[in-house]
Amino acid sequence: MPNTKSAIRRVRRVKKQTQTNRIRKSKYKNAIKQMEILIKSEDKAKIKNYFPKFQSILMQVAKSGVVNKKTASRKISRVSKKI
């Protein structure tokens, strides 16, 4: 248990941060899964429409620090090669 006032506030802050990070991470994972599904379906039109959104989601998550920027870039690069 936190003893000082600042430690108590810190616990509250970490709880909120953890919650936000979980949301961001699930958003990231869902984007990757969605793109894999589209690639397997081989529907070029849907892939072309979703790709910019996919990039945007990955870079937003990377910008917030939940996932490393290089990891997000690597994922985007590999997907663009598959397309």
Protein backbone atom coordinates (compact mmCIF):
# COMPACT_ATOMS: atom_id res chain seq x y z
CA MET A 1 0.00 0.00 0.00
CA PRO A 2 1.22 3.49 -0.80
CA ASN A 3 2.08 5.53 2.27
CA THR A 4 2.66 9.05 1.02
CA LYS A 5 0.21 11.38 -0.67
CA SER A 6 2.22 11.42 -3.89
CA ALA A 7 2.37 7.61 -3.95
CA ILE A 8 -1.42 7.42 -3.60
CA ARG A 9 -1.84 9.84 -6.51
CA ARG A 10 0.70 7.87 -8.51
CA VAL A 11 -1.30 4.65 -8.01
CA ARG A 12 -4.41 6.39 -9.37
CA ARG A 13 -2.47 7.75 -12.33
CA VAL A 14 -0.89 4.39 -13.18
CA LYS A 15 -4.32 2.75 -13.09
CA LYS A 16 -5.63 5.22 -15.69
CA GLN A 17 -2.50 4.88 -17.83
CA THR A 18 -2.72 1.08 -17.77
CA GLN A 19 -6.32 1.24 -18.91
CA THR A 20 -5.49 3.59 -21.81
CA ASN A 21 -2.51 1.48 -22.84
CA ARG A 22 -4.66 -1.66 -22.89
CA ILE A 23 -7.16 0.05 -25.17
CA ARG A 24 -4.38 1.22 -27.49
CA LYS A 25 -2.73 -2.21 -27.58
CA SER A 26 -6.00 -3.96 -28.42
CA LYS A 27 -6.63 -1.36 -31.16
CA TYR A 28 -3.18 -2.19 -32.55
CA LYS A 29 -3.74 -5.95 -32.44
CA ASN A 30 -7.19 -5.64 -34.02
CA ALA A 31 -5.78 -3.57 -36.88
CA ILE A 32 -3.14 -6.23 -37.58
CA LYS A 33 -5.70 -9.06 -37.45
CA GLN A 34 -8.07 -7.16 -39.72
CA MET A 35 -5.31 -6.59 -42.27
CA GLU A 36 -4.32 -10.28 -42.19
CA ILE A 37 -7.93 -11.27 -42.82
CA LEU A 38 -8.13 -8.87 -45.78
CA ILE A 39 -4.86 -10.19 -47.22
CA LYS A 40 -6.12 -13.78 -46.97
CA SER A 41 -9.38 -12.80 -48.69
CA GLU A 42 -7.33 -11.29 -51.53
CA ASP A 43 -9.81 -8.45 -52.04
CA LYS A 44 -7.53 -5.76 -53.50
CA ALA A 45 -10.09 -2.95 -53.28
CA LYS A 46 -10.75 -3.47 -49.57
CA ILE A 47 -7.03 -3.78 -48.85
CA LYS A 48 -6.29 -0.51 -50.68
CA ASN A 49 -9.04 1.24 -48.71
CA TYR A 50 -7.98 -0.14 -45.32
CA PHE A 51 -4.19 0.25 -45.70
CA PRO A 52 -4.01 4.03 -44.90
CA LYS A 53 -6.17 3.51 -41.82
CA PHE A 54 -3.99 0.55 -40.82
CA GLN A 55 -0.85 2.71 -41.10
CA SER A 56 -2.48 5.50 -39.14
CA ILE A 57 -3.52 3.23 -36.26
CA LEU A 58 -0.08 1.64 -35.99
CA MET A 59 1.73 4.98 -35.99
CA GLN A 60 -0.67 6.47 -33.42
CA VAL A 61 0.01 3.57 -31.08
CA ALA A 62 3.76 3.86 -31.70
CA LYS A 63 3.64 7.61 -31.07
CA SER A 64 2.06 7.06 -27.65
CA GLY A 65 4.84 4.61 -26.74
CA VAL A 66 2.74 1.50 -26.27
CA VAL A 67 4.60 -0.18 -29.13
CA ASN A 68 8.06 0.76 -30.35
CA LYS A 69 8.10 2.97 -33.45
CA LYS A 70 10.43 0.60 -35.28
CA THR A 71 8.12 -2.34 -34.56
CA ALA A 72 5.16 -0.48 -36.04
CA SER A 73 7.21 0.53 -39.08
CA ARG A 74 8.34 -3.06 -39.59
CA LYS A 75 4.74 -4.30 -39.46
CA ILE A 76 3.64 -1.68 -42.00
CA SER A 77 6.57 -2.53 -44.27
CA ARG A 78 5.90 -6.26 -44.23
CA VAL A 79 2.22 -5.77 -44.94
CA SER A 80 2.97 -3.41 -47.84
CA LYS A 81 5.29 -6.07 -49.31
CA LYS A 82 2.46 -8.61 -49.17
CA ILE A 83 0.17 -6.20 -51.00
